[in-house]
N, C-alpha and C. Protein backbone atom coordinates (compact mmCIF):
# COMPACT_ATOMS: atom_id res chain seq x y z
N MET A 1 5.13 -23.25 10.40
CA MET A 1 4.60 -21.90 10.21
C MET A 1 3.51 -21.93 9.13
N ASN A 2 2.39 -21.23 9.34
CA ASN A 2 1.33 -21.15 8.37
C ASN A 2 1.67 -20.05 7.38
N PHE A 3 2.29 -20.44 6.24
CA PHE A 3 2.80 -19.45 5.32
C PHE A 3 1.67 -18.70 4.62
N LYS A 4 0.53 -19.36 4.37
CA LYS A 4 -0.58 -18.68 3.74
C LYS A 4 -1.09 -17.55 4.61
N LYS A 5 -1.23 -17.84 5.89
CA LYS A 5 -1.67 -16.80 6.83
C LYS A 5 -0.64 -15.69 6.91
N SER A 6 0.65 -16.07 6.91
CA SER A 6 1.71 -15.08 7.00
C SER A 6 1.68 -14.13 5.80
N LEU A 7 1.49 -14.71 4.63
CA LEU A 7 1.46 -13.89 3.43
C LEU A 7 0.32 -12.89 3.46
N ILE A 8 -0.86 -13.34 3.88
CA ILE A 8 -2.02 -12.45 3.92
C ILE A 8 -1.79 -11.31 4.89
N LEU A 9 -1.26 -11.65 6.06
CA LEU A 9 -1.04 -10.62 7.08
C LEU A 9 0.04 -9.63 6.65
N LEU A 10 1.13 -10.15 6.09
CA LEU A 10 2.20 -9.27 5.64
C LEU A 10 1.73 -8.37 4.52
N LEU A 11 0.94 -8.90 3.61
CA LEU A 11 0.45 -8.12 2.50
C LEU A 11 -0.45 -7.01 2.98
N ALA A 12 -1.35 -7.34 3.91
CA ALA A 12 -2.27 -6.34 4.43
C ALA A 12 -1.54 -5.18 5.06
N LEU A 13 -0.41 -5.49 5.73
CA LEU A 13 0.37 -4.43 6.38
C LEU A 13 1.18 -3.64 5.36
N CYS A 14 1.87 -4.35 4.49
CA CYS A 14 2.85 -3.69 3.64
C CYS A 14 2.21 -2.84 2.55
N LEU A 15 1.02 -3.23 2.08
CA LEU A 15 0.39 -2.45 1.02
C LEU A 15 -0.14 -1.12 1.52
N LEU A 16 -0.15 -0.94 2.84
CA LEU A 16 -0.55 0.35 3.41
C LEU A 16 0.63 1.27 3.59
N LEU A 17 1.83 0.80 3.28
CA LEU A 17 3.03 1.61 3.54
C LEU A 17 2.98 2.94 2.78
N ALA A 18 2.58 2.87 1.52
CA ALA A 18 2.59 4.08 0.72
C ALA A 18 1.62 5.12 1.27
N LEU A 19 0.58 4.65 1.98
CA LEU A 19 -0.40 5.56 2.54
C LEU A 19 0.09 6.24 3.79
N ALA A 20 1.10 5.65 4.43
CA ALA A 20 1.58 6.21 5.70
C ALA A 20 2.10 7.62 5.55
N GLY A 21 2.68 7.91 4.38
CA GLY A 21 3.27 9.21 4.21
C GLY A 21 2.38 10.22 3.54
N CYS A 22 1.18 9.79 3.01
CA CYS A 22 0.37 10.74 2.27
C CYS A 22 -1.04 10.85 2.79
N SER A 23 -1.45 10.04 3.73
CA SER A 23 -2.79 10.13 4.28
C SER A 23 -2.86 11.23 5.30
N GLY A 24 -4.07 11.65 5.63
CA GLY A 24 -4.27 12.65 6.66
C GLY A 24 -3.87 12.12 8.00
N SER A 25 -3.51 13.01 8.90
CA SER A 25 -3.03 12.59 10.20
C SER A 25 -3.90 13.15 11.29
N SER A 26 -3.97 12.43 12.41
CA SER A 26 -4.75 12.87 13.55
C SER A 26 -4.01 13.91 14.35
N THR A 27 -2.68 13.90 14.26
CA THR A 27 -1.86 14.87 14.98
C THR A 27 -0.71 15.29 14.10
N GLN A 28 -0.40 16.57 14.10
CA GLN A 28 0.70 17.06 13.27
C GLN A 28 1.70 17.78 14.15
N ALA A 29 2.97 17.43 13.99
CA ALA A 29 4.03 18.08 14.75
C ALA A 29 4.95 18.79 13.80
N GLU A 30 4.91 20.12 13.79
CA GLU A 30 5.76 20.91 12.92
C GLU A 30 6.54 21.89 13.76
N GLU A 31 7.85 21.96 13.52
CA GLU A 31 8.72 22.82 14.31
C GLU A 31 9.51 23.75 13.39
N SER A 32 9.96 24.86 13.89
CA SER A 32 10.80 25.78 13.15
C SER A 32 12.27 25.45 13.40
N PRO A 33 13.04 25.12 12.35
CA PRO A 33 14.44 24.78 12.56
C PRO A 33 15.26 25.95 13.08
N ALA A 34 14.72 27.16 12.95
CA ALA A 34 15.47 28.32 13.41
C ALA A 34 15.44 28.46 14.92
N ASP A 35 14.44 27.87 15.55
CA ASP A 35 14.31 27.98 16.99
C ASP A 35 14.70 26.66 17.63
N THR A 36 16.00 26.47 17.87
CA THR A 36 16.48 25.18 18.35
C THR A 36 15.94 24.82 19.71
N ALA A 37 15.55 25.84 20.50
CA ALA A 37 15.01 25.56 21.82
C ALA A 37 13.69 24.82 21.74
N GLN A 38 13.01 24.93 20.59
CA GLN A 38 11.70 24.32 20.43
C GLN A 38 11.76 22.98 19.70
N ILE A 39 12.93 22.54 19.33
CA ILE A 39 13.04 21.29 18.60
C ILE A 39 12.67 20.12 19.51
N GLN A 40 11.81 19.26 19.02
CA GLN A 40 11.37 18.10 19.78
C GLN A 40 12.20 16.89 19.34
N TYR A 41 12.79 16.22 20.31
CA TYR A 41 13.62 15.05 20.01
C TYR A 41 12.99 13.74 20.45
N ASP A 42 11.97 13.80 21.29
CA ASP A 42 11.31 12.59 21.78
C ASP A 42 9.85 12.59 21.34
N TYR A 43 9.44 11.49 20.70
CA TYR A 43 8.08 11.36 20.21
C TYR A 43 7.47 10.09 20.81
N GLN A 44 6.36 10.26 21.53
CA GLN A 44 5.63 9.15 22.13
C GLN A 44 4.43 8.84 21.25
N LEU A 45 4.40 7.68 20.64
CA LEU A 45 3.32 7.31 19.74
C LEU A 45 2.27 6.48 20.47
N LYS A 46 1.07 7.01 20.56
CA LYS A 46 -0.03 6.24 21.12
C LYS A 46 -0.58 5.29 20.05
N ALA A 47 -1.19 4.21 20.49
CA ALA A 47 -1.78 3.25 19.55
C ALA A 47 -2.81 3.96 18.68
N GLY A 48 -2.67 3.78 17.37
CA GLY A 48 -3.60 4.39 16.44
C GLY A 48 -3.30 5.83 16.09
N GLU A 49 -2.22 6.39 16.62
CA GLU A 49 -1.90 7.79 16.39
C GLU A 49 -0.95 7.96 15.21
N THR A 50 -1.15 9.05 14.46
CA THR A 50 -0.26 9.40 13.37
C THR A 50 0.30 10.80 13.61
N LEU A 51 1.62 10.93 13.51
CA LEU A 51 2.30 12.21 13.63
C LEU A 51 3.04 12.52 12.34
N GLU A 52 3.14 13.81 12.01
CA GLU A 52 3.91 14.25 10.86
C GLU A 52 4.90 15.31 11.31
N VAL A 53 6.15 15.17 10.89
CA VAL A 53 7.22 16.08 11.30
C VAL A 53 7.96 16.54 10.06
N TYR A 54 8.04 17.86 9.87
CA TYR A 54 8.62 18.41 8.66
C TYR A 54 9.71 19.44 8.98
N ASP A 55 10.68 19.54 8.06
CA ASP A 55 11.60 20.68 7.99
C ASP A 55 12.41 20.88 9.26
N MET A 56 12.99 19.80 9.77
CA MET A 56 13.75 19.86 11.01
C MET A 56 15.20 19.45 10.77
N VAL A 57 16.10 20.07 11.54
CA VAL A 57 17.49 19.63 11.60
C VAL A 57 17.74 19.16 13.02
N PHE A 58 17.95 17.86 13.16
CA PHE A 58 18.12 17.25 14.47
C PHE A 58 19.61 17.02 14.73
N ASP A 59 20.15 17.71 15.71
CA ASP A 59 21.56 17.55 16.06
C ASP A 59 21.77 16.61 17.25
N LYS A 60 20.68 16.15 17.83
CA LYS A 60 20.72 15.12 18.87
C LYS A 60 19.88 13.94 18.40
N THR A 61 20.08 12.79 19.02
CA THR A 61 19.33 11.59 18.63
C THR A 61 17.84 11.79 18.81
N VAL A 62 17.09 11.45 17.79
CA VAL A 62 15.63 11.48 17.85
C VAL A 62 15.14 10.11 18.31
N THR A 63 14.26 10.09 19.32
CA THR A 63 13.73 8.83 19.84
C THR A 63 12.23 8.75 19.61
N VAL A 64 11.80 7.68 18.98
CA VAL A 64 10.38 7.41 18.77
C VAL A 64 10.02 6.19 19.61
N THR A 65 9.11 6.37 20.56
CA THR A 65 8.70 5.29 21.45
C THR A 65 7.27 4.89 21.15
N VAL A 66 7.05 3.60 20.92
CA VAL A 66 5.76 3.08 20.52
C VAL A 66 4.98 2.61 21.74
N ASP A 67 3.74 3.01 21.83
CA ASP A 67 2.84 2.57 22.89
C ASP A 67 2.76 1.04 22.88
N THR A 68 2.90 0.43 24.04
CA THR A 68 2.81 -1.03 24.10
C THR A 68 1.41 -1.54 23.78
N ALA A 69 0.43 -0.63 23.73
CA ALA A 69 -0.92 -1.04 23.31
C ALA A 69 -0.98 -1.31 21.80
N SER A 70 0.06 -0.92 21.08
CA SER A 70 0.15 -1.28 19.66
C SER A 70 0.59 -2.75 19.60
N THR A 71 -0.37 -3.64 19.70
CA THR A 71 -0.10 -5.04 19.98
C THR A 71 0.29 -5.84 18.75
N ARG A 72 0.76 -7.04 19.01
CA ARG A 72 1.25 -7.92 17.96
C ARG A 72 0.15 -8.36 17.00
N ASP A 73 -1.08 -8.38 17.46
CA ASP A 73 -2.17 -8.83 16.58
C ASP A 73 -3.28 -7.79 16.50
N GLY A 74 -2.96 -6.53 16.79
CA GLY A 74 -3.96 -5.47 16.77
C GLY A 74 -4.39 -5.14 15.35
N SER A 75 -5.53 -4.46 15.25
CA SER A 75 -6.06 -4.05 13.96
C SER A 75 -5.21 -2.91 13.39
N VAL A 76 -5.41 -2.63 12.11
CA VAL A 76 -4.67 -1.55 11.47
C VAL A 76 -4.94 -0.23 12.18
N GLU A 77 -6.15 -0.07 12.71
CA GLU A 77 -6.50 1.16 13.41
C GLU A 77 -5.65 1.38 14.66
N LEU A 78 -5.02 0.35 15.18
CA LEU A 78 -4.19 0.48 16.37
C LEU A 78 -2.71 0.64 16.04
N ARG A 79 -2.40 0.71 14.75
CA ARG A 79 -1.01 0.89 14.37
C ARG A 79 -0.58 2.34 14.61
N SER A 80 0.60 2.51 15.15
CA SER A 80 1.17 3.84 15.36
C SER A 80 1.97 4.24 14.12
N ASN A 81 1.89 5.52 13.75
CA ASN A 81 2.59 6.00 12.56
C ASN A 81 3.27 7.33 12.84
N ILE A 82 4.46 7.49 12.30
CA ILE A 82 5.10 8.80 12.30
C ILE A 82 5.80 8.98 10.96
N TYR A 83 5.62 10.15 10.37
CA TYR A 83 6.16 10.44 9.05
C TYR A 83 7.08 11.65 9.14
N PHE A 84 8.34 11.46 8.74
CA PHE A 84 9.32 12.54 8.69
C PHE A 84 9.57 12.91 7.23
N ASP A 85 9.65 14.22 6.95
CA ASP A 85 10.10 14.63 5.62
C ASP A 85 10.85 15.95 5.72
N ASN A 86 11.82 16.09 4.82
CA ASN A 86 12.74 17.23 4.83
C ASN A 86 13.37 17.41 6.20
N CYS A 87 13.78 16.29 6.79
CA CYS A 87 14.42 16.30 8.10
C CYS A 87 15.85 15.78 7.98
N VAL A 88 16.75 16.41 8.72
CA VAL A 88 18.15 15.99 8.74
C VAL A 88 18.44 15.37 10.09
N PHE A 89 18.91 14.12 10.08
CA PHE A 89 19.25 13.41 11.31
C PHE A 89 20.77 13.36 11.43
N ASN A 90 21.31 14.25 12.23
CA ASN A 90 22.76 14.30 12.38
C ASN A 90 23.29 13.38 13.46
N ALA A 91 22.41 12.90 14.33
CA ALA A 91 22.86 12.05 15.44
C ALA A 91 22.04 10.78 15.56
N GLY A 92 21.31 10.43 14.52
CA GLY A 92 20.62 9.14 14.50
C GLY A 92 19.17 9.21 14.92
N LEU A 93 18.49 8.10 14.66
CA LEU A 93 17.08 7.92 14.99
C LEU A 93 16.94 6.61 15.74
N SER A 94 16.35 6.66 16.93
CA SER A 94 16.15 5.47 17.76
C SER A 94 14.67 5.15 17.84
N ILE A 95 14.31 3.92 17.49
CA ILE A 95 12.92 3.46 17.56
C ILE A 95 12.82 2.44 18.68
N VAL A 96 11.92 2.67 19.62
CA VAL A 96 11.75 1.79 20.76
C VAL A 96 10.33 1.25 20.74
N GLY A 97 10.17 -0.05 20.50
CA GLY A 97 8.84 -0.61 20.42
C GLY A 97 8.86 -2.10 20.17
N ASP A 98 7.76 -2.75 20.49
CA ASP A 98 7.64 -4.20 20.30
C ASP A 98 6.89 -4.56 19.02
N TYR A 99 5.76 -3.88 18.78
CA TYR A 99 4.90 -4.26 17.66
C TYR A 99 4.19 -3.05 17.05
N HIS A 100 3.79 -3.24 15.81
CA HIS A 100 2.71 -2.50 15.16
C HIS A 100 2.93 -1.00 15.07
N ALA A 101 4.02 -0.60 14.45
CA ALA A 101 4.26 0.81 14.19
C ALA A 101 4.98 0.96 12.86
N MET A 102 4.76 2.13 12.23
CA MET A 102 5.41 2.45 10.98
C MET A 102 6.11 3.80 11.12
N VAL A 103 7.41 3.81 10.86
CA VAL A 103 8.19 5.04 10.83
C VAL A 103 8.58 5.27 9.38
N SER A 104 8.08 6.35 8.78
CA SER A 104 8.30 6.59 7.35
C SER A 104 9.23 7.78 7.15
N LEU A 105 10.17 7.62 6.23
CA LEU A 105 11.13 8.66 5.90
C LEU A 105 10.89 9.13 4.48
N GLY A 106 10.52 10.41 4.32
CA GLY A 106 10.25 10.96 3.00
C GLY A 106 11.51 11.17 2.19
N GLY A 107 11.33 11.48 0.94
CA GLY A 107 12.44 11.57 0.01
C GLY A 107 13.42 12.68 0.29
N ASP A 108 13.01 13.69 1.06
CA ASP A 108 13.90 14.80 1.36
C ASP A 108 14.59 14.66 2.71
N CYS A 109 14.49 13.51 3.34
CA CYS A 109 15.22 13.27 4.59
C CYS A 109 16.67 12.90 4.28
N SER A 110 17.55 13.14 5.25
CA SER A 110 18.95 12.75 5.08
C SER A 110 19.56 12.46 6.44
N PHE A 111 20.68 11.72 6.40
CA PHE A 111 21.38 11.32 7.61
C PHE A 111 22.83 11.80 7.53
N GLY A 112 23.32 12.37 8.66
CA GLY A 112 24.70 12.82 8.72
C GLY A 112 25.66 11.65 8.76
N ASP A 113 26.94 11.93 8.60
CA ASP A 113 27.96 10.90 8.63
C ASP A 113 27.89 10.11 9.94
N GLY A 114 27.81 8.79 9.82
CA GLY A 114 27.75 7.93 11.00
C GLY A 114 26.42 7.90 11.69
N SER A 115 25.44 8.60 11.15
CA SER A 115 24.10 8.64 11.75
C SER A 115 23.29 7.46 11.24
N ILE A 116 22.72 6.67 12.15
CA ILE A 116 22.00 5.45 11.78
C ILE A 116 20.66 5.38 12.49
N ILE A 117 19.88 4.39 12.09
CA ILE A 117 18.62 4.07 12.77
C ILE A 117 18.85 2.83 13.62
N THR A 118 18.44 2.89 14.88
CA THR A 118 18.47 1.70 15.73
C THR A 118 17.06 1.39 16.20
N CYS A 119 16.79 0.12 16.42
CA CYS A 119 15.50 -0.29 16.94
C CYS A 119 15.72 -1.20 18.15
N LYS A 120 15.01 -0.89 19.23
CA LYS A 120 15.14 -1.66 20.46
C LYS A 120 13.76 -2.11 20.93
N GLU A 121 13.70 -3.30 21.49
CA GLU A 121 12.45 -3.80 22.05
C GLU A 121 12.17 -3.15 23.40
N VAL A 122 10.90 -3.04 23.74
CA VAL A 122 10.50 -2.53 25.06
C VAL A 122 10.50 -3.65 26.08
N THR A 123 9.94 -4.78 25.68
CA THR A 123 9.82 -5.94 26.55
C THR A 123 11.01 -6.86 26.34
N PRO A 124 11.86 -7.06 27.33
CA PRO A 124 13.06 -7.89 27.15
C PRO A 124 12.70 -9.29 26.64
N GLY A 125 13.37 -9.71 25.56
CA GLY A 125 13.17 -11.04 25.02
C GLY A 125 12.00 -11.20 24.08
N ILE A 126 11.22 -10.12 23.86
CA ILE A 126 10.02 -10.26 23.04
C ILE A 126 10.37 -10.58 21.58
N ALA A 127 11.53 -10.14 21.13
CA ALA A 127 11.91 -10.38 19.73
C ALA A 127 11.99 -11.87 19.42
N LYS A 128 12.39 -12.67 20.39
CA LYS A 128 12.52 -14.11 20.15
C LYS A 128 11.17 -14.82 20.13
N GLU A 129 10.11 -14.09 20.50
CA GLU A 129 8.78 -14.67 20.44
C GLU A 129 8.02 -14.22 19.19
N THR A 130 8.58 -13.26 18.47
CA THR A 130 7.90 -12.69 17.31
C THR A 130 7.98 -13.64 16.11
N THR A 131 6.87 -13.76 15.40
CA THR A 131 6.81 -14.61 14.21
C THR A 131 6.34 -13.77 13.02
N LEU A 132 6.32 -14.36 11.85
CA LEU A 132 5.86 -13.66 10.66
C LEU A 132 4.38 -13.31 10.73
N ASP A 133 3.65 -13.97 11.62
CA ASP A 133 2.23 -13.66 11.77
C ASP A 133 1.99 -12.35 12.51
N ASP A 134 3.02 -11.83 13.16
CA ASP A 134 2.85 -10.66 14.01
C ASP A 134 3.00 -9.36 13.21
N ASN A 135 2.49 -8.29 13.83
CA ASN A 135 2.59 -6.97 13.24
C ASN A 135 3.90 -6.31 13.67
N TYR A 136 4.81 -6.22 12.76
CA TYR A 136 6.15 -5.73 13.07
C TYR A 136 6.19 -4.22 13.25
N VAL A 137 7.19 -3.76 14.00
CA VAL A 137 7.65 -2.37 13.88
C VAL A 137 8.47 -2.29 12.60
N LYS A 138 8.18 -1.28 11.76
CA LYS A 138 8.86 -1.19 10.46
C LYS A 138 9.28 0.24 10.18
N VAL A 139 10.28 0.36 9.35
CA VAL A 139 10.66 1.67 8.83
C VAL A 139 10.53 1.62 7.31
N PHE A 140 9.91 2.66 6.76
CA PHE A 140 9.77 2.77 5.31
C PHE A 140 10.85 3.72 4.81
N VAL A 141 11.71 3.23 3.93
CA VAL A 141 12.86 3.98 3.44
C VAL A 141 12.48 4.67 2.13
N GLY A 142 12.29 5.98 2.22
CA GLY A 142 11.98 6.76 1.03
C GLY A 142 13.08 7.73 0.68
N CYS A 143 14.28 7.53 1.26
CA CYS A 143 15.40 8.44 1.01
C CYS A 143 16.70 7.65 0.97
N GLU A 144 17.77 8.32 0.58
CA GLU A 144 19.07 7.68 0.47
C GLU A 144 19.81 7.66 1.81
N GLY A 145 20.81 6.78 1.88
CA GLY A 145 21.74 6.81 2.99
C GLY A 145 21.23 6.26 4.31
N VAL A 146 20.28 5.32 4.28
CA VAL A 146 19.70 4.77 5.51
C VAL A 146 20.45 3.51 5.93
N THR A 147 20.89 3.49 7.18
CA THR A 147 21.52 2.32 7.78
C THR A 147 20.74 1.96 9.03
N VAL A 148 20.35 0.69 9.14
CA VAL A 148 19.55 0.21 10.27
C VAL A 148 20.34 -0.86 11.01
N GLU A 149 20.36 -0.73 12.34
CA GLU A 149 20.97 -1.76 13.18
C GLU A 149 19.99 -2.13 14.28
N THR A 150 19.80 -3.43 14.49
CA THR A 150 18.87 -3.87 15.51
C THR A 150 19.14 -5.31 15.90
N GLU A 151 18.77 -5.66 17.11
CA GLU A 151 18.72 -7.04 17.55
C GLU A 151 17.27 -7.47 17.76
N SER A 152 16.34 -6.63 17.34
CA SER A 152 14.91 -6.90 17.48
C SER A 152 14.37 -7.54 16.22
N ALA A 153 13.17 -8.08 16.33
CA ALA A 153 12.40 -8.46 15.15
C ALA A 153 11.90 -7.16 14.53
N PHE A 154 12.23 -6.94 13.26
CA PHE A 154 12.04 -5.61 12.69
C PHE A 154 11.89 -5.74 11.19
N GLY A 155 11.24 -4.76 10.57
CA GLY A 155 11.08 -4.77 9.13
C GLY A 155 11.55 -3.49 8.49
N VAL A 156 12.20 -3.60 7.33
CA VAL A 156 12.61 -2.45 6.54
C VAL A 156 12.02 -2.62 5.15
N VAL A 157 11.34 -1.58 4.67
CA VAL A 157 10.67 -1.64 3.37
C VAL A 157 11.07 -0.43 2.55
N THR A 158 11.30 -0.65 1.25
CA THR A 158 11.66 0.45 0.36
C THR A 158 10.90 0.33 -0.95
N ASN A 159 10.67 1.47 -1.57
CA ASN A 159 10.09 1.46 -2.91
C ASN A 159 11.15 1.75 -3.96
N GLY A 160 12.43 1.78 -3.55
CA GLY A 160 13.47 1.97 -4.54
C GLY A 160 14.86 2.19 -4.00
N PHE A 161 14.99 2.82 -2.84
CA PHE A 161 16.31 3.18 -2.34
C PHE A 161 17.00 1.99 -1.67
N ASP A 162 18.30 1.88 -1.91
CA ASP A 162 19.10 0.88 -1.20
C ASP A 162 19.19 1.25 0.27
N PHE A 163 19.40 0.25 1.11
CA PHE A 163 19.60 0.50 2.54
C PHE A 163 20.53 -0.57 3.10
N VAL A 164 21.12 -0.27 4.24
CA VAL A 164 21.98 -1.22 4.94
C VAL A 164 21.24 -1.68 6.19
N PHE A 165 21.12 -3.00 6.32
CA PHE A 165 20.38 -3.59 7.44
C PHE A 165 21.30 -4.58 8.14
N ASN A 166 21.72 -4.24 9.35
CA ASN A 166 22.63 -5.08 10.13
C ASN A 166 23.86 -5.50 9.33
N GLY A 167 24.44 -4.51 8.64
CA GLY A 167 25.71 -4.72 7.95
C GLY A 167 25.61 -5.20 6.52
N THR A 168 24.41 -5.54 6.06
CA THR A 168 24.23 -6.01 4.69
C THR A 168 23.45 -4.98 3.88
N THR A 169 23.94 -4.70 2.68
CA THR A 169 23.25 -3.76 1.79
C THR A 169 22.20 -4.51 0.98
N TYR A 170 20.99 -3.97 0.96
CA TYR A 170 19.89 -4.55 0.19
C TYR A 170 19.48 -3.57 -0.90
N SER A 171 19.39 -4.08 -2.11
CA SER A 171 19.05 -3.27 -3.26
C SER A 171 17.77 -3.78 -3.91
N LYS A 172 16.75 -2.95 -3.96
CA LYS A 172 15.53 -3.34 -4.65
C LYS A 172 15.80 -3.58 -6.13
N ALA A 173 16.67 -2.75 -6.71
CA ALA A 173 16.98 -2.89 -8.13
C ALA A 173 17.56 -4.26 -8.45
N GLU A 174 18.29 -4.85 -7.51
CA GLU A 174 18.88 -6.16 -7.73
C GLU A 174 17.96 -7.30 -7.29
N LEU A 175 17.28 -7.12 -6.15
CA LEU A 175 16.52 -8.22 -5.58
C LEU A 175 15.08 -8.28 -6.07
N ALA A 176 14.47 -7.13 -6.31
CA ALA A 176 13.05 -7.11 -6.70
C ALA A 176 12.79 -5.98 -7.68
N PRO A 177 13.45 -6.00 -8.84
CA PRO A 177 13.35 -4.87 -9.77
C PRO A 177 11.95 -4.65 -10.32
N ASP A 178 11.16 -5.69 -10.40
CA ASP A 178 9.83 -5.56 -11.00
C ASP A 178 8.72 -5.40 -9.97
N ALA A 179 9.06 -5.43 -8.69
CA ALA A 179 8.05 -5.30 -7.64
C ALA A 179 7.89 -3.84 -7.25
N ASP A 180 6.79 -3.54 -6.60
CA ASP A 180 6.58 -2.18 -6.11
C ASP A 180 7.43 -1.89 -4.89
N TYR A 181 7.62 -2.92 -4.05
CA TYR A 181 8.38 -2.74 -2.81
C TYR A 181 9.28 -3.94 -2.57
N LEU A 182 10.38 -3.67 -1.89
CA LEU A 182 11.22 -4.73 -1.31
C LEU A 182 11.10 -4.62 0.20
N GLY A 183 10.80 -5.74 0.84
CA GLY A 183 10.74 -5.78 2.30
C GLY A 183 11.73 -6.79 2.84
N VAL A 184 12.46 -6.40 3.88
CA VAL A 184 13.40 -7.31 4.55
C VAL A 184 13.02 -7.33 6.03
N TYR A 185 12.80 -8.53 6.55
CA TYR A 185 12.34 -8.70 7.93
C TYR A 185 13.33 -9.55 8.71
N SER A 186 13.66 -9.09 9.90
CA SER A 186 14.51 -9.89 10.78
C SER A 186 13.64 -10.59 11.80
N LEU A 187 13.95 -11.82 12.10
CA LEU A 187 13.28 -12.57 13.15
C LEU A 187 14.21 -13.66 13.64
N TYR A 188 13.84 -14.24 14.75
CA TYR A 188 14.70 -15.24 15.37
C TYR A 188 14.21 -16.65 15.08
N GLU A 189 15.18 -17.54 14.85
CA GLU A 189 14.95 -18.97 14.85
C GLU A 189 15.82 -19.52 15.97
N GLY A 190 15.20 -19.76 17.11
CA GLY A 190 15.97 -20.10 18.30
C GLY A 190 16.73 -18.87 18.77
N ASP A 191 18.03 -19.01 18.90
CA ASP A 191 18.85 -17.88 19.34
C ASP A 191 19.52 -17.14 18.19
N SER A 192 19.24 -17.57 16.96
CA SER A 192 19.90 -16.97 15.80
C SER A 192 18.92 -16.11 15.02
N MET A 193 19.40 -14.92 14.61
CA MET A 193 18.58 -14.04 13.80
C MET A 193 18.68 -14.45 12.34
N THR A 194 17.53 -14.45 11.68
CA THR A 194 17.48 -14.74 10.25
C THR A 194 16.75 -13.61 9.56
N TYR A 195 16.84 -13.57 8.23
CA TYR A 195 16.26 -12.48 7.46
C TYR A 195 15.41 -13.05 6.33
N ILE A 196 14.23 -12.48 6.16
CA ILE A 196 13.32 -12.89 5.10
C ILE A 196 13.15 -11.73 4.15
N LYS A 197 13.36 -11.97 2.86
CA LYS A 197 13.26 -10.94 1.84
C LYS A 197 11.99 -11.19 1.02
N LEU A 198 11.23 -10.13 0.81
CA LEU A 198 9.95 -10.24 0.10
C LEU A 198 9.86 -9.20 -1.00
N ALA A 199 9.35 -9.63 -2.15
CA ALA A 199 8.95 -8.70 -3.20
C ALA A 199 7.46 -8.47 -3.05
N LEU A 200 7.08 -7.22 -2.89
CA LEU A 200 5.69 -6.87 -2.59
C LEU A 200 5.13 -6.01 -3.70
N GLY A 201 3.89 -6.30 -4.09
CA GLY A 201 3.25 -5.54 -5.15
C GLY A 201 1.95 -4.92 -4.71
N GLU A 202 1.62 -3.80 -5.31
CA GLU A 202 0.34 -3.16 -5.02
C GLU A 202 -0.83 -3.92 -5.62
N ASP A 203 -0.52 -4.92 -6.44
CA ASP A 203 -1.57 -5.76 -7.02
C ASP A 203 -1.82 -7.02 -6.17
N ASP A 204 -1.46 -6.94 -4.89
CA ASP A 204 -1.65 -8.04 -3.94
C ASP A 204 -0.66 -9.19 -4.10
N SER A 205 0.40 -8.97 -4.86
CA SER A 205 1.38 -10.05 -5.04
C SER A 205 2.42 -10.01 -3.94
N VAL A 206 2.83 -11.21 -3.49
CA VAL A 206 3.90 -11.36 -2.51
C VAL A 206 4.77 -12.53 -2.96
N GLU A 207 6.07 -12.29 -2.97
CA GLU A 207 6.99 -13.34 -3.37
C GLU A 207 8.15 -13.41 -2.40
N PHE A 208 8.42 -14.62 -1.89
CA PHE A 208 9.59 -14.83 -1.06
C PHE A 208 10.82 -14.87 -1.96
N LEU A 209 11.85 -14.13 -1.58
CA LEU A 209 13.08 -14.08 -2.37
C LEU A 209 14.16 -14.92 -1.69
N ASP A 210 15.09 -15.43 -2.50
CA ASP A 210 16.19 -16.22 -1.95
C ASP A 210 17.15 -15.32 -1.16
């Protein structure tokens, strides 16, 4: 594996995480929680599209589907983004995609008891072809109580909150206290899933953690 290339690519992607939740968006999706008939539970993300969703209480599973045109080696402009804030997920969040999307959870989001995030690939077997050089589907954890389960190649990034990823709790305070972000990425080595932990800094620093 070309680790120098991997570091550059990962850094370029991860340092944009903080912008995902505060930059302007091309499309905005806002719903009234009082009108449950109007609540949207399925979001189709086109390549390069950004959606923002605020002030919702979801009592059914929310599904975010990533356009397959969001390719493994596409430019940042082709990355799909969706930002949730002040949203309650009572029945979970499902992310369906192969590459190049960011799902961001703001600080006022919360998850009901037993409510988790799952990620599934669109193309069967694509996860076993994914490498660190590729543009991952990722979730940015900006709130408490996030649990992620997946058999896909996937990334979870936080600027401070602990999260559970495939049964293991990851703490930025313990693993990367001095970094701006902690990133944990799942990928396959043969038929076995492995996890790579990274300390990421806004000053262009990247460190592989044990």
